[in-house]
Structures are given as C-alpha cells and as structure tokens.
C-alpha cells in the first residue's frame, strides 16, 4: 500500500463521487471531461 497525498493507508472503505461527460462524434468518443470529489475523499481519510 502507498500513501495518498501524504495520508497513510487506513484500510477503510471510501465513497468517491465523480462526474464524467463524453462527446461522441461519428459514433466514436471524441472528448472526455471528468471531475472527482478529491476534497470529499480527503475528508474521509482524515476522519
């Protein structure tokens, strides 16, 4: 196991929320935008 942003492994489960948007052109993925709730993950790790 490795540390994540300076926080050592805890062995606990985390809930991670993200939003992903894809643009499809001519039947293929042309672009992808993604955003994750890193602040929420850090709050869970520190509690």
PDB file of N, CA and C in Angstrom:
ATOM      1  N   UNK A   1       0.838  -1.190   0.000  1.00  0.00           N
ATOM      2  CA  UNK A   1       0.000   0.000   0.000  1.00  0.00           C
ATOM      3  C   UNK A   1       0.880   1.250   0.000  1.00  0.00           C
ATOM      4  N   UNK A   2       0.360   2.305  -0.589  1.00  0.00           N
ATOM      5  CA  UNK A   2       1.096   3.560  -0.675  1.00  0.00           C
ATOM      6  C   UNK A   2       0.318   4.675   0.010  1.00  0.00           C
ATOM      7  N   UNK A   3       1.037   5.738   0.351  1.00  0.00           N
ATOM      8  CA  UNK A   3       0.358   6.907   0.893  1.00  0.00           C
ATOM      9  C   UNK A   3      -0.342   7.645  -0.239  1.00  0.00           C
ATOM     10  N   UNK A   4      -1.414   8.346   0.097  1.00  0.00           N
ATOM     11  CA  UNK A   4      -2.157   9.140  -0.881  1.00  0.00           C
ATOM     12  C   UNK A   4      -2.182  10.578  -0.402  1.00  0.00           C
ATOM     13  N   UNK A   5      -1.506  11.438  -1.108  1.00  0.00           N
ATOM     14  CA  UNK A   5      -1.416  12.857  -0.755  1.00  0.00           C
ATOM     15  C   UNK A   5      -0.983  13.036   0.699  1.00  0.00           C
ATOM     16  N   UNK A   6      -0.012  12.241   1.110  1.00  0.00           N
ATOM     17  CA  UNK A   6       0.553  12.351   2.445  1.00  0.00           C
ATOM     18  C   UNK A   6      -0.201  11.609   3.532  1.00  0.00           C
ATOM     19  N   UNK A   7      -1.305  10.942   3.196  1.00  0.00           N
ATOM     20  CA  UNK A   7      -2.106  10.220   4.190  1.00  0.00           C
ATOM     21  C   UNK A   7      -1.807   8.730   4.059  1.00  0.00           C
ATOM     22  N   UNK A   8      -1.371   8.081   5.143  1.00  0.00           N
ATOM     23  CA  UNK A   8      -1.068   6.650   5.067  1.00  0.00           C
ATOM     24  C   UNK A   8      -2.333   5.816   4.901  1.00  0.00           C
ATOM     25  N   UNK A   9      -2.202   4.585   4.427  1.00  0.00           N
ATOM     26  CA  UNK A   9      -3.362   3.709   4.231  1.00  0.00           C
ATOM     27  C   UNK A   9      -4.116   3.473   5.539  1.00  0.00           C
ATOM     28  N   UNK A  10      -5.446   3.423   5.458  1.00  0.00           N
ATOM     29  CA  UNK A  10      -6.264   3.191   6.646  1.00  0.00           C
ATOM     30  C   UNK A  10      -6.954   1.829   6.604  1.00  0.00           C
ATOM     31  N   UNK A  11      -7.123   1.271   5.411  1.00  0.00           N
ATOM     32  CA  UNK A  11      -7.851   0.007   5.282  1.00  0.00           C
ATOM     33  C   UNK A  11      -9.365   0.184   5.268  1.00  0.00           C
ATOM     34  N   UNK A  12      -9.846   1.430   5.430  1.00  0.00           N
ATOM     35  CA  UNK A  12     -11.286   1.697   5.426  1.00  0.00           C
ATOM     36  C   UNK A  12     -11.804   1.878   4.010  1.00  0.00           C
ATOM     37  N   UNK A  13     -13.095   1.659   3.817  1.00  0.00           N
ATOM     38  CA  UNK A  13     -13.735   1.911   2.536  1.00  0.00           C
ATOM     39  C   UNK A  13     -14.031   3.396   2.415  1.00  0.00           C
ATOM     40  N   UNK A  14     -13.962   3.891   1.172  1.00  0.00           N
ATOM     41  CA  UNK A  14     -14.266   5.287   0.883  1.00  0.00           C
ATOM     42  C   UNK A  14     -15.380   5.367  -0.134  1.00  0.00           C
ATOM     43  N   UNK A  15     -16.094   6.458  -0.106  1.00  0.00           N
ATOM     44  CA  UNK A  15     -17.080   6.743  -1.142  1.00  0.00           C
ATOM     45  C   UNK A  15     -16.503   7.870  -1.999  1.00  0.00           C
ATOM     46  N   UNK A  16     -16.483   7.658  -3.314  1.00  0.00           N
ATOM     47  CA  UNK A  16     -15.911   8.619  -4.248  1.00  0.00           C
ATOM     48  C   UNK A  16     -16.976   9.014  -5.265  1.00  0.00           C
ATOM     49  N   UNK A  17     -17.225  10.298  -5.384  1.00  0.00           N
ATOM     50  CA  UNK A  17     -18.211  10.801  -6.331  1.00  0.00           C
ATOM     51  C   UNK A  17     -17.479  11.464  -7.488  1.00  0.00           C
ATOM     52  N   UNK A  18     -17.954  11.202  -8.692  1.00  0.00           N
ATOM     53  CA  UNK A  18     -17.357  11.846  -9.860  1.00  0.00           C
ATOM     54  C   UNK A  18     -18.435  12.145 -10.892  1.00  0.00           C
ATOM     55  N   UNK A  19     -18.071  13.004 -11.815  1.00  0.00           N
ATOM     56  CA  UNK A  19     -18.955  13.354 -12.928  1.00  0.00           C
ATOM     57  C   UNK A  19     -18.122  13.248 -14.204  1.00  0.00           C
ATOM     58  N   UNK A  20     -18.612  12.514 -15.174  1.00  0.00           N
ATOM     59  CA  UNK A  20     -17.910  12.350 -16.440  1.00  0.00           C
ATOM     60  C   UNK A  20     -18.844  12.706 -17.585  1.00  0.00           C
ATOM     61  N   UNK A  21     -18.328  13.494 -18.500  1.00  0.00           N
ATOM     62  CA  UNK A  21     -19.086  13.898 -19.682  1.00  0.00           C
ATOM     63  C   UNK A  21     -18.291  13.482 -20.913  1.00  0.00           C
ATOM     64  N   UNK A  22     -18.972  12.843 -21.846  1.00  0.00           N
ATOM     65  CA  UNK A  22     -18.331  12.384 -23.073  1.00  0.00           C
ATOM     66  C   UNK A  22     -19.011  13.036 -24.269  1.00  0.00           C
ATOM     67  N   UNK A  23     -18.225  13.426 -25.244  1.00  0.00           N
ATOM     68  CA  UNK A  23     -18.769  13.903 -26.512  1.00  0.00           C
ATOM     69  C   UNK A  23     -18.487  12.833 -27.557  1.00  0.00           C
ATOM     70  N   UNK A  24     -19.534  12.450 -28.267  1.00  0.00           N
ATOM     71  CA  UNK A  24     -19.421  11.411 -29.281  1.00  0.00           C
ATOM     72  C   UNK A  24     -19.592  12.065 -30.650  1.00  0.00           C
ATOM     73  N   UNK A  25     -18.681  11.748 -31.546  1.00  0.00           N
ATOM     74  CA  UNK A  25     -18.752  12.256 -32.915  1.00  0.00           C
ATOM     75  C   UNK A  25     -18.557  11.088 -33.875  1.00  0.00           C
ATOM     76  N   UNK A  26     -19.446  10.940 -34.793  1.00  0.00           N
ATOM     77  CA  UNK A  26     -19.377   9.871 -35.793  1.00  0.00           C
ATOM     78  C   UNK A  26     -19.244   8.489 -35.137  1.00  0.00           C
ATOM     79  N   UNK A  27     -19.978   8.310 -34.038  1.00  0.00           N
ATOM     80  CA  UNK A  27     -20.008   7.019 -33.367  1.00  0.00           C
ATOM     81  C   UNK A  27     -18.801   6.694 -32.516  1.00  0.00           C
ATOM     82  N   UNK A  28     -17.912   7.669 -32.313  1.00  0.00           N
ATOM     83  CA  UNK A  28     -16.702   7.438 -31.504  1.00  0.00           C
ATOM     84  C   UNK A  28     -16.592   8.503 -30.420  1.00  0.00           C
ATOM     85  N   UNK A  29     -15.953   8.118 -29.310  1.00  0.00           N
ATOM     86  CA  UNK A  29     -15.687   9.105 -28.268  1.00  0.00           C
ATOM     87  C   UNK A  29     -14.692  10.123 -28.812  1.00  0.00           C
ATOM     88  N   UNK A  30     -15.074  11.388 -28.794  1.00  0.00           N
ATOM     89  CA  UNK A  30     -14.216  12.445 -29.314  1.00  0.00           C
ATOM     90  C   UNK A  30     -13.564  13.256 -28.187  1.00  0.00           C
ATOM     91  N   UNK A  31     -14.276  13.416 -27.082  1.00  0.00           N
ATOM     92  CA  UNK A  31     -13.742  14.169 -25.944  1.00  0.00           C
ATOM     93  C   UNK A  31     -14.293  13.596 -24.648  1.00  0.00           C
ATOM     94  N   UNK A  32     -13.554  13.856 -23.575  1.00  0.00           N
ATOM     95  CA  UNK A  32     -13.978  13.416 -22.249  1.00  0.00           C
ATOM     96  C   UNK A  32     -13.595  14.485 -21.239  1.00  0.00           C
ATOM     97  N   UNK A  33     -14.553  14.853 -20.403  1.00  0.00           N
ATOM     98  CA  UNK A  33     -14.294  15.749 -19.290  1.00  0.00           C
ATOM     99  C   UNK A  33     -14.665  14.995 -18.017  1.00  0.00           C
ATOM    100  N   UNK A  34     -13.815  15.080 -17.006  1.00  0.00           N
ATOM    101  CA  UNK A  34     -14.095  14.389 -15.757  1.00  0.00           C
ATOM    102  C   UNK A  34     -13.736  15.246 -14.561  1.00  0.00           C
ATOM    103  N   UNK A  35     -14.498  15.070 -13.498  1.00  0.00           N
ATOM    104  CA  UNK A  35     -14.250  15.802 -12.267  1.00  0.00           C
ATOM    105  C   UNK A  35     -14.542  14.875 -11.096  1.00  0.00           C
ATOM    106  N   UNK A  36     -13.611  14.779 -10.163  1.00  0.00           N
ATOM    107  CA  UNK A  36     -13.800  13.933  -8.989  1.00  0.00           C
ATOM    108  C   UNK A  36     -13.783  14.750  -7.707  1.00  0.00           C
ATOM    109  N   UNK A  37     -14.416  14.221  -6.680  1.00  0.00           N
ATOM    110  CA  UNK A  37     -14.525  14.903  -5.387  1.00  0.00           C
ATOM    111  C   UNK A  37     -13.327  14.532  -4.498  1.00  0.00           C
ATOM    112  N   UNK A  38     -12.168  15.080  -4.817  1.00  0.00           N
ATOM    113  CA  UNK A  38     -10.959  14.795  -4.044  1.00  0.00           C
ATOM    114  C   UNK A  38     -11.076  15.344  -2.619  1.00  0.00           C
ATOM    115  N   UNK A  39     -11.698  16.504  -2.455  1.00  0.00           N
ATOM    116  CA  UNK A  39     -11.885  17.070  -1.114  1.00  0.00           C
ATOM    117  C   UNK A  39     -12.704  16.132  -0.236  1.00  0.00           C
ATOM    118  N   UNK A  40     -13.725  15.502  -0.816  1.00  0.00           N
ATOM    119  CA  UNK A  40     -14.532  14.543  -0.055  1.00  0.00           C
ATOM    120  C   UNK A  40     -13.737  13.322   0.355  1.00  0.00           C
ATOM    121  N   UNK A  41     -12.874  12.848  -0.528  1.00  0.00           N
ATOM    122  CA  UNK A  41     -12.013  11.707  -0.199  1.00  0.00           C
ATOM    123  C   UNK A  41     -11.055  12.082   0.938  1.00  0.00           C
ATOM    124  N   UNK A  42     -10.439  13.254   0.841  1.00  0.00           N
ATOM    125  CA  UNK A  42      -9.502  13.672   1.880  1.00  0.00           C
ATOM    126  C   UNK A  42     -10.198  13.812   3.224  1.00  0.00           C
ATOM    127  N   UNK A  43     -11.422  14.334   3.235  1.00  0.00           N
ATOM    128  CA  UNK A  43     -12.178  14.469   4.495  1.00  0.00           C
ATOM    129  C   UNK A  43     -12.435  13.103   5.112  1.00  0.00           C
ATOM    130  N   UNK A  44     -12.734  12.107   4.297  1.00  0.00           N
ATOM    131  CA  UNK A  44     -12.969  10.756   4.817  1.00  0.00           C
ATOM    132  C   UNK A  44     -11.685  10.155   5.366  1.00  0.00           C
ATOM    133  N   UNK A  45     -10.574  10.380   4.703  1.00  0.00           N
ATOM    134  CA  UNK A  45      -9.306   9.818   5.148  1.00  0.00           C
ATOM    135  C   UNK A  45      -8.860  10.398   6.479  1.00  0.00           C
ATOM    136  N   UNK A  46      -9.171  11.665   6.687  1.00  0.00           N
ATOM    137  CA  UNK A  46      -8.702  12.347   7.911  1.00  0.00           C
ATOM    138  C   UNK A  46      -9.636  12.175   9.093  1.00  0.00           C
ATOM    139  N   UNK A  47     -10.830  11.612   8.880  1.00  0.00           N
ATOM    140  CA  UNK A  47     -11.781  11.474   9.996  1.00  0.00           C
ATOM    141  C   UNK A  47     -11.588  10.176  10.739  1.00  0.00           C
TER     142      UNK A  47
END
